[in-house]
C-alpha atoms as a PDB file:
ATOM      1  CA  MET A   1     -39.013-153.047  62.582  1.00  0.00           C
ATOM      2  CA  ALA A   2     -37.364-149.901  62.140  1.00  0.00           C
ATOM      3  CA  GLU A   3     -34.787-149.547  59.450  1.00  0.00           C
ATOM      4  CA  LYS A   4     -31.642-147.707  60.026  1.00  0.00           C
ATOM      5  CA  ILE A   5     -30.887-144.880  57.622  1.00  0.00           C
ATOM      6  CA  ASP A   6     -27.265-144.271  56.806  1.00  0.00           C
ATOM      7  CA  SER A   7     -26.299-140.750  56.012  1.00  0.00           C
ATOM      8  CA  VAL A   8     -25.735-140.046  52.383  1.00  0.00           C
ATOM      9  CA  ALA A   9     -23.692-137.105  51.150  1.00  0.00           C
ATOM     10  CA  ILE A  10     -25.122-135.290  48.131  1.00  0.00           C
ATOM     11  CA  PRO A  11     -22.512-133.177  46.431  1.00  0.00           C
ATOM     12  CA  VAL A  12     -23.528-129.630  45.475  1.00  0.00           C
ATOM     13  CA  VAL A  13     -22.024-128.526  42.214  1.00  0.00           C
ATOM     14  CA  GLU A  14     -21.642-124.966  41.134  1.00  0.00           C
ATOM     15  CA  GLU A  15     -20.590-123.980  37.623  1.00  0.00           C
ATOM     16  CA  GLU A  16     -18.483-120.890  37.009  1.00  0.00           C
ATOM     17  CA  LEU A  17     -18.185-119.014  33.753  1.00  0.00           C
ATOM     18  CA  LYS A  18     -14.877-117.498  32.730  1.00  0.00           C
ATOM     19  CA  ILE A  19     -14.651-115.416  29.573  1.00  0.00           C
ATOM     20  CA  GLY A  20     -11.332-114.833  27.937  1.00  0.00           C
ATOM     21  CA  ARG A  21     -10.059-113.393  24.690  1.00  0.00           C
ATOM     22  CA  ARG A  22      -7.241-114.324  22.390  1.00  0.00           C
ATOM     23  CA  GLU A  23      -6.236-113.221  18.933  1.00  0.00           C
ATOM     24  CA  VAL A  24      -6.840-115.688  16.166  1.00  0.00           C
ATOM     25  CA  GLU A  25      -5.673-114.929  12.643  1.00  0.00           C
ATOM     26  CA  THR A  26      -8.494-115.797  10.288  1.00  0.00           C
ATOM     27  CA  GLY A  27      -6.916-114.383   7.175  1.00  0.00           C
ATOM     28  CA  ARG A  28      -4.885-111.578   5.665  1.00  0.00           C
ATOM     29  CA  VAL A  29      -5.767-108.666   3.449  1.00  0.00           C
ATOM     30  CA  ARG A  30      -3.580-107.135   0.749  1.00  0.00           C
ATOM     31  CA  ILE A  31      -4.657-103.774  -0.641  1.00  0.00           C
ATOM     32  CA  ARG A  32      -3.183-102.362  -3.839  1.00  0.00           C
ATOM     33  CA  THR A  33      -4.065 -99.691  -6.341  1.00  0.00           C
ATOM     34  CA  VAL A  34      -4.257-100.246 -10.053  1.00  0.00           C
ATOM     35  CA  THR A  35      -3.779 -97.323 -12.420  1.00  0.00           C
ATOM     36  CA  GLU A  36      -5.733 -97.467 -15.638  1.00  0.00           C
ATOM     37  CA  GLU A  37      -5.445 -95.190 -18.658  1.00  0.00           C
ATOM     38  CA  ARG A  38      -8.114 -94.167 -21.075  1.00  0.00           C
ATOM     39  CA  THR A  39      -7.973 -91.827 -24.010  1.00  0.00           C
ATOM     40  CA  GLU A  40     -10.531 -89.100 -24.457  1.00  0.00           C
ATOM     41  CA  THR A  41     -10.680 -86.421 -27.083  1.00  0.00           C
ATOM     42  CA  ALA A  42     -10.380 -82.843 -25.917  1.00  0.00           C
ATOM     43  CA  SER A  43     -12.182 -80.543 -28.291  1.00  0.00           C
ATOM     44  CA  ASP A  44     -12.711 -76.819 -28.388  1.00  0.00           C
ATOM     45  CA  ARG A  45     -13.165 -73.997 -30.818  1.00  0.00           C
ATOM     46  CA  LEU A  46      -9.989 -72.093 -31.651  1.00  0.00           C
ATOM     47  CA  VAL A  47     -10.331 -68.493 -32.777  1.00  0.00           C
ATOM     48  CA  HIS A  48      -7.597 -66.954 -34.920  1.00  0.00           C
ATOM     49  CA  SER A  49      -7.193 -63.289 -35.609  1.00  0.00           C
ATOM     50  CA  ASP A  50      -5.209 -62.317 -38.708  1.00  0.00           C
ATOM     51  CA  VAL A  51      -4.288 -58.803 -39.758  1.00  0.00           C
ATOM     52  CA  GLU A  52      -4.156 -57.730 -43.377  1.00  0.00           C
ATOM     53  CA  ILE A  53      -2.177 -54.577 -44.160  1.00  0.00           C
ATOM     54  CA  ASP A  54      -2.431 -52.604 -47.424  1.00  0.00           C
ATOM     55  CA  ARG A  55      -0.330 -49.560 -48.228  1.00  0.00           C
ATOM     56  CA  VAL A  56      -2.382 -47.167 -50.332  1.00  0.00           C
ATOM     57  CA  PRO A  57      -0.363 -44.330 -51.985  1.00  0.00           C
ATOM     58  CA  VAL A  58      -2.119 -40.929 -51.791  1.00  0.00           C
ATOM     59  CA  ASN A  59       0.563 -38.226 -52.381  1.00  0.00           C
ATOM     60  CA  ARG A  60      -1.615 -35.165 -51.802  1.00  0.00           C
ATOM     61  CA  ALA A  61      -1.090 -31.941 -49.884  1.00  0.00           C
ATOM     62  CA  VAL A  62      -3.034 -31.479 -46.638  1.00  0.00           C
ATOM     63  CA  ASP A  63      -3.423 -28.477 -44.356  1.00  0.00           C
ATOM     64  CA  GLU A  64      -3.300 -30.354 -41.056  1.00  0.00           C
ATOM     65  CA  LEU A  65      -2.204 -33.712 -39.721  1.00  0.00           C
ATOM     66  CA  PRO A  66      -4.965 -36.280 -40.471  1.00  0.00           C
ATOM     67  CA  THR A  67      -6.165 -38.434 -37.581  1.00  0.00           C
ATOM     68  CA  ILE A  68      -6.370 -42.207 -37.455  1.00  0.00           C
ATOM     69  CA  ARG A  69      -9.866 -43.248 -38.491  1.00  0.00           C
ATOM     70  CA  GLU A  70     -11.934 -46.370 -39.030  1.00  0.00           C
ATOM     71  CA  GLU A  71     -14.058 -47.228 -42.035  1.00  0.00           C
ATOM     72  CA  GLY A  72     -16.041 -50.420 -41.472  1.00  0.00           C
ATOM     73  CA  ASP A  73     -13.626 -53.088 -40.297  1.00  0.00           C
ATOM     74  CA  THR A  74     -10.594 -51.137 -41.579  1.00  0.00           C
ATOM     75  CA  MET A  75      -8.394 -48.844 -39.477  1.00  0.00           C
ATOM     76  CA  ILE A  76      -6.674 -46.168 -41.602  1.00  0.00           C
ATOM     77  CA  VAL A  77      -3.370 -44.743 -40.353  1.00  0.00           C
ATOM     78  CA  PRO A  78      -2.154 -41.679 -42.305  1.00  0.00           C
ATOM     79  CA  VAL A  79       1.562 -41.320 -43.079  1.00  0.00           C
ATOM     80  CA  VAL A  80       2.746 -37.731 -43.683  1.00  0.00           C
ATOM     81  CA  GLU A  81       6.004 -35.986 -44.478  1.00  0.00           C
ATOM     82  CA  GLU A  82       7.106 -32.377 -44.534  1.00  0.00           C
ATOM     83  CA  ARG A  83       8.567 -31.095 -47.741  1.00  0.00           C
ATOM     84  CA  LEU A  84      10.761 -28.060 -48.409  1.00  0.00           C
ATOM     85  CA  VAL A  85       7.835 -25.849 -49.186  1.00  0.00           C
ATOM     86  CA  LYS A  86       6.745 -26.376 -45.557  1.00  0.00           C
ATOM     87  CA  ARG A  87       3.566 -28.140 -46.481  1.00  0.00           C
ATOM     88  CA  LEU A  88       2.267 -31.473 -45.275  1.00  0.00           C
ATOM     89  CA  PHE A  89       1.851 -34.142 -47.885  1.00  0.00           C
ATOM     90  CA  LEU A  90      -0.241 -37.223 -47.264  1.00  0.00           C
ATOM     91  CA  VAL A  91       2.135 -39.737 -48.773  1.00  0.00           C
ATOM     92  CA  GLU A  92       0.140 -42.882 -48.166  1.00  0.00           C
ATOM     93  CA  GLU A  93      -2.445 -44.503 -45.970  1.00  0.00           C
ATOM     94  CA  VAL A  94      -1.918 -47.809 -44.260  1.00  0.00           C
ATOM     95  CA  HIS A  95      -5.150 -49.790 -44.235  1.00  0.00           C
ATOM     96  CA  ILE A  96      -5.295 -52.415 -41.493  1.00  0.00           C
ATOM     97  CA  ARG A  97      -8.071 -55.046 -41.542  1.00  0.00           C
ATOM     98  CA  ARG A  98      -8.548 -57.688 -38.919  1.00  0.00           C
ATOM     99  CA  ARG A  99     -10.013 -61.017 -39.997  1.00  0.00           C
ATOM    100  CA  VAL A 100     -11.291 -63.386 -37.319  1.00  0.00           C
ATOM    101  CA  THR A 101     -11.639 -67.059 -38.178  1.00  0.00           C
ATOM    102  CA  ALA A 102     -12.569 -70.015 -36.020  1.00  0.00           C
ATOM    103  CA  GLU A 103     -11.886 -73.707 -36.372  1.00  0.00           C
ATOM    104  CA  GLU A 104     -12.730 -76.777 -34.363  1.00  0.00           C
ATOM    105  CA  PHE A 105      -9.798 -78.338 -32.518  1.00  0.00           C
ATOM    106  CA  GLU A 106      -9.600 -81.933 -31.333  1.00  0.00           C
ATOM    107  CA  HIS A 107      -6.705 -83.623 -29.618  1.00  0.00           C
ATOM    108  CA  PRO A 108      -6.554 -87.014 -27.891  1.00  0.00           C
ATOM    109  CA  VAL A 109      -5.624 -86.805 -24.202  1.00  0.00           C
ATOM    110  CA  LYS A 110      -4.657 -89.696 -21.933  1.00  0.00           C
ATOM    111  CA  LEU A 111      -6.441 -89.648 -18.577  1.00  0.00           C
ATOM    112  CA  ARG A 112      -5.456 -91.870 -15.663  1.00  0.00           C
ATOM    113  CA  SER A 113      -7.615 -93.137 -12.852  1.00  0.00           C
ATOM    114  CA  GLN A 114      -6.964 -95.469  -9.968  1.00  0.00           C
ATOM    115  CA  ARG A 115      -9.054 -98.178  -8.448  1.00  0.00           C
ATOM    116  CA  VAL A 116      -8.456-100.157  -5.266  1.00  0.00           C
ATOM    117  CA  VAL A 117      -8.160-103.952  -5.297  1.00  0.00           C
ATOM    118  CA  VAL A 118      -8.556-105.813  -2.002  1.00  0.00           C
ATOM    119  CA  ASP A 119      -7.292-109.413  -1.902  1.00  0.00           C
ATOM    120  CA  ARG A 120      -8.283-111.388   1.190  1.00  0.00           C
ATOM    121  CA  GLN A 121      -6.685-114.729   2.007  1.00  0.00           C
ATOM    122  CA  GLU A 122      -8.486-116.989   4.417  1.00  0.00           C
ATOM    123  CA  SER A 123      -6.452-118.824   7.038  1.00  0.00           C
ATOM    124  CA  GLY A 124      -6.812-122.061   5.109  1.00  0.00           C
ATOM    125  CA  GLY A 125      -4.786-120.577   2.257  1.00  0.00           C
ATOM    126  CA  GLU A 126      -7.750-120.034  -0.050  1.00  0.00           C
ATOM    127  CA  ALA A 127      -7.588-116.644  -1.793  1.00  0.00           C
ATOM    128  CA  ILE A 128     -10.738-114.591  -2.103  1.00  0.00           C
ATOM    129  CA  HIS A 129     -10.501-111.691  -4.549  1.00  0.00           C
ATOM    130  CA  LYS A 130     -12.656-108.647  -3.983  1.00  0.00           C
ATOM    131  CA  GLY A 131     -12.194-105.671  -6.267  1.00  0.00           C
ATOM    132  CA  VAL A 132     -13.369-102.339  -4.932  1.00  0.00           C
ATOM    133  CA  GLU A 133     -13.733 -99.596  -7.514  1.00  0.00           C
END
């Protein structure tokens, strides 16, 4: 005997993919700078120049005006005057010597520098500290 076949409906299913975006806060970041000071010593060599002046009396007659001259490290500047007899008299010489001295100089100096500190807080409230230098 022949069996009767009833019709059966087989559903066809199709899946669709939809992609969407939304903002989700996962944490916050706080950035701050920290200024730090350190002391360093600035050092250098200081050079001083001193002048020593001596007045040397001469009081002698000369025929012409003497010129400024140097003898070693001494500059000699003649000082003259005219007298009634219309002659030049070398009254004195001014001897000028320059002395150069040097000394070491040190002075503490404060220097500042900054570094960046980044603090990140996760959404659960847990703070994570990350220092960036």
